[in-house]
Amino acid sequence: MTPSLLLAILGLILMGLGLIGVVLPLLPGLPIIWVGILLWAWGDNFQQIGWPTLIGLGVLTLVGWGLNLVVTPAISRRAGVSWRAIGGAIVGGLLGGIFLSALPIIGTLFGALIGAIAGMWFVEYRIRGSEQAATAAVRAYVSGVAVTTLLNIFLALLMLAIFLWQAWTV
């Protein structure tokens, strides 16, 4: 197997893994897609995909990263979600992922999701003392994550469309 073929295959694998990572918050999907495209381009000696395209795709990656840092917290903060509750979501997600890791992949993912929601709800309930307020805060956070995920899916599909257009246009 030639080094260029190996880079192309590794690049395609990373693009697929990145696409999964866009939906599953455990992996940084857009950066993985970008690295996959970079490896594919390197394997092709940058003949089909050059640095201008890679820089443009890098900008899309940064836009997605920025959305993750801004949109979800903004929606959550607007609804009054505390930073402690977001910390509770992180701790709950880690614990849930660990406790359900006996079920490979699916158990870890669902455990992390359930744990994050439970952790956030518990912290918000302790802060506010109201089930309704805690539930409203969790809904706001989940809606922020959903919006960010949809935007990242759009960016990932756009990046892959640009890749396909550049890779198979001679």
C-alpha atoms as a PDB file:
ATOM      1  CA  MET A   1       0.000   0.000   0.000  1.00  0.00           C
ATOM      2  CA  THR A   2       1.434   3.338  -1.020  1.00  0.00           C
ATOM      3  CA  PRO A   3       1.730   6.201   1.472  1.00  0.00           C
ATOM      4  CA  SER A   4      -0.639   8.347  -0.621  1.00  0.00           C
ATOM      5  CA  LEU A   5      -3.309   5.636  -0.609  1.00  0.00           C
ATOM      6  CA  LEU A   6      -2.856   5.179   3.137  1.00  0.00           C
ATOM      7  CA  LEU A   7      -3.293   8.923   3.717  1.00  0.00           C
ATOM      8  CA  ALA A   8      -6.388   8.973   1.497  1.00  0.00           C
ATOM      9  CA  ILE A   9      -7.957   6.044   3.347  1.00  0.00           C
ATOM     10  CA  LEU A  10      -7.096   7.518   6.754  1.00  0.00           C
ATOM     11  CA  GLY A  11      -8.539  10.845   5.613  1.00  0.00           C
ATOM     12  CA  LEU A  12     -11.812   9.234   4.552  1.00  0.00           C
ATOM     13  CA  ILE A  13     -12.029   7.341   7.846  1.00  0.00           C
ATOM     14  CA  LEU A  14     -11.502  10.567   9.775  1.00  0.00           C
ATOM     15  CA  MET A  15     -14.151  12.357   7.714  1.00  0.00           C
ATOM     16  CA  GLY A  16     -16.653   9.624   8.582  1.00  0.00           C
ATOM     17  CA  LEU A  17     -15.639   9.698  12.233  1.00  0.00           C
ATOM     18  CA  GLY A  18     -15.946  13.487  12.229  1.00  0.00           C
ATOM     19  CA  LEU A  19     -19.446  13.268  10.782  1.00  0.00           C
ATOM     20  CA  ILE A  20     -20.384  10.987  13.666  1.00  0.00           C
ATOM     21  CA  GLY A  21     -18.701  13.415  16.061  1.00  0.00           C
ATOM     22  CA  VAL A  22     -20.876  16.279  14.854  1.00  0.00           C
ATOM     23  CA  VAL A  23     -23.930  14.424  16.137  1.00  0.00           C
ATOM     24  CA  LEU A  24     -22.321  12.859  19.216  1.00  0.00           C
ATOM     25  CA  PRO A  25     -20.807  15.508  21.444  1.00  0.00           C
ATOM     26  CA  LEU A  26     -17.998  13.220  22.584  1.00  0.00           C
ATOM     27  CA  LEU A  27     -15.876  13.937  19.513  1.00  0.00           C
ATOM     28  CA  PRO A  28     -14.890  17.282  17.986  1.00  0.00           C
ATOM     29  CA  GLY A  29     -16.586  16.523  14.665  1.00  0.00           C
ATOM     30  CA  LEU A  30     -15.693  19.513  12.510  1.00  0.00           C
ATOM     31  CA  PRO A  31     -11.978  19.530  13.390  1.00  0.00           C
ATOM     32  CA  ILE A  32     -11.797  15.787  12.716  1.00  0.00           C
ATOM     33  CA  ILE A  33     -13.432  16.305   9.311  1.00  0.00           C
ATOM     34  CA  TRP A  34     -10.935  19.082   8.548  1.00  0.00           C
ATOM     35  CA  VAL A  35      -7.959  16.883   9.507  1.00  0.00           C
ATOM     36  CA  GLY A  36      -9.417  14.080   7.377  1.00  0.00           C
ATOM     37  CA  ILE A  37      -9.653  16.385   4.367  1.00  0.00           C
ATOM     38  CA  LEU A  38      -6.110  17.622   5.039  1.00  0.00           C
ATOM     39  CA  LEU A  39      -4.765  14.052   5.081  1.00  0.00           C
ATOM     40  CA  TRP A  40      -6.667  13.177   1.912  1.00  0.00           C
ATOM     41  CA  ALA A  41      -5.289  16.295   0.197  1.00  0.00           C
ATOM     42  CA  TRP A  42      -1.776  15.496   1.404  1.00  0.00           C
ATOM     43  CA  GLY A  43      -2.092  11.967   0.013  1.00  0.00           C
ATOM     44  CA  ASP A  44      -3.073  13.564  -3.306  1.00  0.00           C
ATOM     45  CA  ASN A  45      -0.105  15.979  -3.097  1.00  0.00           C
ATOM     46  CA  PHE A  46      -2.624  18.828  -2.855  1.00  0.00           C
ATOM     47  CA  GLN A  47      -3.533  18.389  -6.524  1.00  0.00           C
ATOM     48  CA  GLN A  48      -7.316  18.359  -6.158  1.00  0.00           C
ATOM     49  CA  ILE A  49      -7.624  20.221  -2.877  1.00  0.00           C
ATOM     50  CA  GLY A  50      -5.184  23.043  -2.245  1.00  0.00           C
ATOM     51  CA  TRP A  51      -4.460  25.369   0.618  1.00  0.00           C
ATOM     52  CA  PRO A  52      -7.096  27.959  -0.325  1.00  0.00           C
ATOM     53  CA  THR A  53      -9.802  25.291   0.026  1.00  0.00           C
ATOM     54  CA  LEU A  54      -8.244  23.969   3.239  1.00  0.00           C
ATOM     55  CA  ILE A  55      -8.138  27.482   4.683  1.00  0.00           C
ATOM     56  CA  GLY A  56     -11.793  28.026   3.740  1.00  0.00           C
ATOM     57  CA  LEU A  57     -12.736  24.727   5.364  1.00  0.00           C
ATOM     58  CA  GLY A  58     -10.676  25.715   8.396  1.00  0.00           C
ATOM     59  CA  VAL A  59     -12.731  28.908   8.664  1.00  0.00           C
ATOM     60  CA  LEU A  60     -15.932  26.829   8.601  1.00  0.00           C
ATOM     61  CA  THR A  61     -14.434  24.637  11.332  1.00  0.00           C
ATOM     62  CA  LEU A  62     -13.686  27.701  13.457  1.00  0.00           C
ATOM     63  CA  VAL A  63     -17.199  29.040  12.871  1.00  0.00           C
ATOM     64  CA  GLY A  64     -18.636  25.752  14.146  1.00  0.00           C
ATOM     65  CA  TRP A  65     -16.319  25.793  17.145  1.00  0.00           C
ATOM     66  CA  GLY A  66     -17.350  29.363  17.884  1.00  0.00           C
ATOM     67  CA  LEU A  67     -21.021  28.403  17.646  1.00  0.00           C
ATOM     68  CA  ASN A  68     -20.432  25.679  20.226  1.00  0.00           C
ATOM     69  CA  LEU A  69     -18.845  28.185  22.568  1.00  0.00           C
ATOM     70  CA  VAL A  70     -21.447  30.924  22.069  1.00  0.00           C
ATOM     71  CA  VAL A  71     -24.888  29.607  21.094  1.00  0.00           C
ATOM     72  CA  THR A  72     -25.565  26.954  23.729  1.00  0.00           C
ATOM     73  CA  PRO A  73     -24.285  29.058  26.641  1.00  0.00           C
ATOM     74  CA  ALA A  74     -26.147  32.126  25.335  1.00  0.00           C
ATOM     75  CA  ILE A  75     -29.467  30.287  25.110  1.00  0.00           C
ATOM     76  CA  SER A  76     -28.845  28.678  28.485  1.00  0.00           C
ATOM     77  CA  ARG A  77     -27.846  31.918  30.186  1.00  0.00           C
ATOM     78  CA  ARG A  78     -30.852  33.728  28.700  1.00  0.00           C
ATOM     79  CA  ALA A  79     -33.049  31.114  30.374  1.00  0.00           C
ATOM     80  CA  GLY A  80     -31.187  31.640  33.628  1.00  0.00           C
ATOM     81  CA  VAL A  81     -29.160  28.435  33.687  1.00  0.00           C
ATOM     82  CA  SER A  82     -26.307  28.818  36.147  1.00  0.00           C
ATOM     83  CA  TRP A  83     -22.710  27.955  35.404  1.00  0.00           C
ATOM     84  CA  ARG A  84     -22.870  25.540  38.317  1.00  0.00           C
ATOM     85  CA  ALA A  85     -25.667  23.667  36.524  1.00  0.00           C
ATOM     86  CA  ILE A  86     -23.527  23.388  33.407  1.00  0.00           C
ATOM     87  CA  GLY A  87     -20.795  21.982  35.644  1.00  0.00           C
ATOM     88  CA  GLY A  88     -23.387  19.588  37.055  1.00  0.00           C
ATOM     89  CA  ALA A  89     -24.198  18.512  33.507  1.00  0.00           C
ATOM     90  CA  ILE A  90     -20.531  17.806  32.818  1.00  0.00           C
ATOM     91  CA  VAL A  91     -20.075  15.800  36.016  1.00  0.00           C
ATOM     92  CA  GLY A  92     -23.390  13.987  35.512  1.00  0.00           C
ATOM     93  CA  GLY A  93     -22.492  13.185  31.911  1.00  0.00           C
ATOM     94  CA  LEU A  94     -19.142  11.724  32.915  1.00  0.00           C
ATOM     95  CA  LEU A  95     -20.682   9.663  35.702  1.00  0.00           C
ATOM     96  CA  GLY A  96     -23.560   8.483  33.515  1.00  0.00           C
ATOM     97  CA  GLY A  97     -21.147   7.497  30.757  1.00  0.00           C
ATOM     98  CA  ILE A  98     -19.010   5.560  33.221  1.00  0.00           C
ATOM     99  CA  PHE A  99     -21.921   3.788  34.927  1.00  0.00           C
ATOM    100  CA  LEU A 100     -23.531   2.663  31.672  1.00  0.00           C
ATOM    101  CA  SER A 101     -20.267   1.844  29.906  1.00  0.00           C
ATOM    102  CA  ALA A 102     -20.999  -1.864  30.413  1.00  0.00           C
ATOM    103  CA  LEU A 103     -23.187  -1.499  27.318  1.00  0.00           C
ATOM    104  CA  PRO A 104     -20.611  -0.720  24.615  1.00  0.00           C
ATOM    105  CA  ILE A 105     -20.964   2.633  22.835  1.00  0.00           C
ATOM    106  CA  ILE A 106     -24.748   2.998  23.154  1.00  0.00           C
ATOM    107  CA  GLY A 107     -24.710   2.622  26.933  1.00  0.00           C
ATOM    108  CA  THR A 108     -21.920   5.142  27.275  1.00  0.00           C
ATOM    109  CA  LEU A 109     -23.670   7.662  25.026  1.00  0.00           C
ATOM    110  CA  PHE A 110     -27.095   7.311  26.612  1.00  0.00           C
ATOM    111  CA  GLY A 111     -25.522   7.230  30.060  1.00  0.00           C
ATOM    112  CA  ALA A 112     -23.687  10.463  29.320  1.00  0.00           C
ATOM    113  CA  LEU A 113     -26.859  12.086  27.968  1.00  0.00           C
ATOM    114  CA  ILE A 114     -29.052  10.967  30.848  1.00  0.00           C
ATOM    115  CA  GLY A 115     -26.339  11.802  33.375  1.00  0.00           C
ATOM    116  CA  ALA A 116     -25.831  15.296  31.938  1.00  0.00           C
ATOM    117  CA  ILE A 117     -29.528  16.080  32.051  1.00  0.00           C
ATOM    118  CA  ALA A 118     -29.901  14.622  35.551  1.00  0.00           C
ATOM    119  CA  GLY A 119     -26.802  16.453  36.798  1.00  0.00           C
ATOM    120  CA  MET A 120     -27.993  19.781  35.445  1.00  0.00           C
ATOM    121  CA  TRP A 121     -31.507  19.260  36.780  1.00  0.00           C
ATOM    122  CA  PHE A 122     -30.212  18.304  40.229  1.00  0.00           C
ATOM    123  CA  VAL A 123     -27.966  21.381  40.503  1.00  0.00           C
ATOM    124  CA  GLU A 124     -30.701  23.720  39.228  1.00  0.00           C
ATOM    125  CA  TYR A 125     -33.172  22.190  41.660  1.00  0.00           C
ATOM    126  CA  ARG A 126     -30.730  22.708  44.538  1.00  0.00           C
ATOM    127  CA  ILE A 127     -30.180  26.330  43.510  1.00  0.00           C
ATOM    128  CA  ARG A 128     -33.786  27.283  42.764  1.00  0.00           C
ATOM    129  CA  GLY A 129     -35.690  24.872  44.980  1.00  0.00           C
ATOM    130  CA  SER A 130     -38.314  24.377  42.280  1.00  0.00           C
ATOM    131  CA  GLU A 131     -38.882  21.402  40.024  1.00  0.00           C
ATOM    132  CA  GLN A 132     -40.497  23.601  37.374  1.00  0.00           C
ATOM    133  CA  ALA A 133     -37.613  26.069  37.309  1.00  0.00           C
ATOM    134  CA  ALA A 134     -35.070  23.247  37.122  1.00  0.00           C
ATOM    135  CA  THR A 135     -37.008  21.594  34.290  1.00  0.00           C
ATOM    136  CA  ALA A 136     -37.250  24.892  32.381  1.00  0.00           C
ATOM    137  CA  ALA A 137     -33.507  25.415  32.716  1.00  0.00           C
ATOM    138  CA  VAL A 138     -32.770  21.918  31.410  1.00  0.00           C
ATOM    139  CA  ARG A 139     -35.140  22.450  28.473  1.00  0.00           C
ATOM    140  CA  ALA A 140     -33.332  25.678  27.576  1.00  0.00           C
ATOM    141  CA  TYR A 141     -29.959  23.944  27.691  1.00  0.00           C
ATOM    142  CA  VAL A 142     -31.166  21.008  25.596  1.00  0.00           C
ATOM    143  CA  SER A 143     -32.666  23.390  23.025  1.00  0.00           C
ATOM    144  CA  GLY A 144     -29.342  25.246  22.847  1.00  0.00           C
ATOM    145  CA  VAL A 145     -27.498  21.991  22.266  1.00  0.00           C
ATOM    146  CA  ALA A 146     -30.037  21.017  19.586  1.00  0.00           C
ATOM    147  CA  VAL A 147     -29.619  24.339  17.747  1.00  0.00           C
ATOM    148  CA  THR A 148     -25.829  24.064  17.887  1.00  0.00           C
ATOM    149  CA  THR A 149     -25.925  20.459  16.715  1.00  0.00           C
ATOM    150  CA  LEU A 150     -28.139  21.324  13.739  1.00  0.00           C
ATOM    151  CA  LEU A 151     -25.836  24.190  12.768  1.00  0.00           C
ATOM    152  CA  ASN A 152     -22.808  21.914  13.053  1.00  0.00           C
ATOM    153  CA  ILE A 153     -24.499  19.241  10.932  1.00  0.00           C
ATOM    154  CA  PHE A 154     -25.106  21.888   8.281  1.00  0.00           C
ATOM    155  CA  LEU A 155     -21.459  22.998   8.431  1.00  0.00           C
ATOM    156  CA  ALA A 156     -20.212  19.395   8.292  1.00  0.00           C
ATOM    157  CA  LEU A 157     -22.345  18.612   5.245  1.00  0.00           C
ATOM    158  CA  LEU A 158     -21.172  21.850   3.611  1.00  0.00           C
ATOM    159  CA  MET A 159     -17.543  20.922   4.280  1.00  0.00           C
ATOM    160  CA  LEU A 160     -18.045  17.441   2.847  1.00  0.00           C
ATOM    161  CA  ALA A 161     -19.863  18.853  -0.184  1.00  0.00           C
ATOM    162  CA  ILE A 162     -16.958  21.222  -0.836  1.00  0.00           C
ATOM    163  CA  PHE A 163     -14.550  18.300  -0.410  1.00  0.00           C
ATOM    164  CA  LEU A 164     -16.474  16.146  -2.885  1.00  0.00           C
ATOM    165  CA  TRP A 165     -16.767  19.010  -5.358  1.00  0.00           C
ATOM    166  CA  GLN A 166     -13.025  19.714  -5.191  1.00  0.00           C
ATOM    167  CA  ALA A 167     -11.912  16.078  -5.039  1.00  0.00           C
ATOM    168  CA  TRP A 168     -13.859  14.899  -8.059  1.00  0.00           C
ATOM    169  CA  THR A 169     -13.691  17.986 -10.230  1.00  0.00           C
ATOM    170  CA  VAL A 170     -10.784  17.820 -12.611  1.00  0.00           C
END
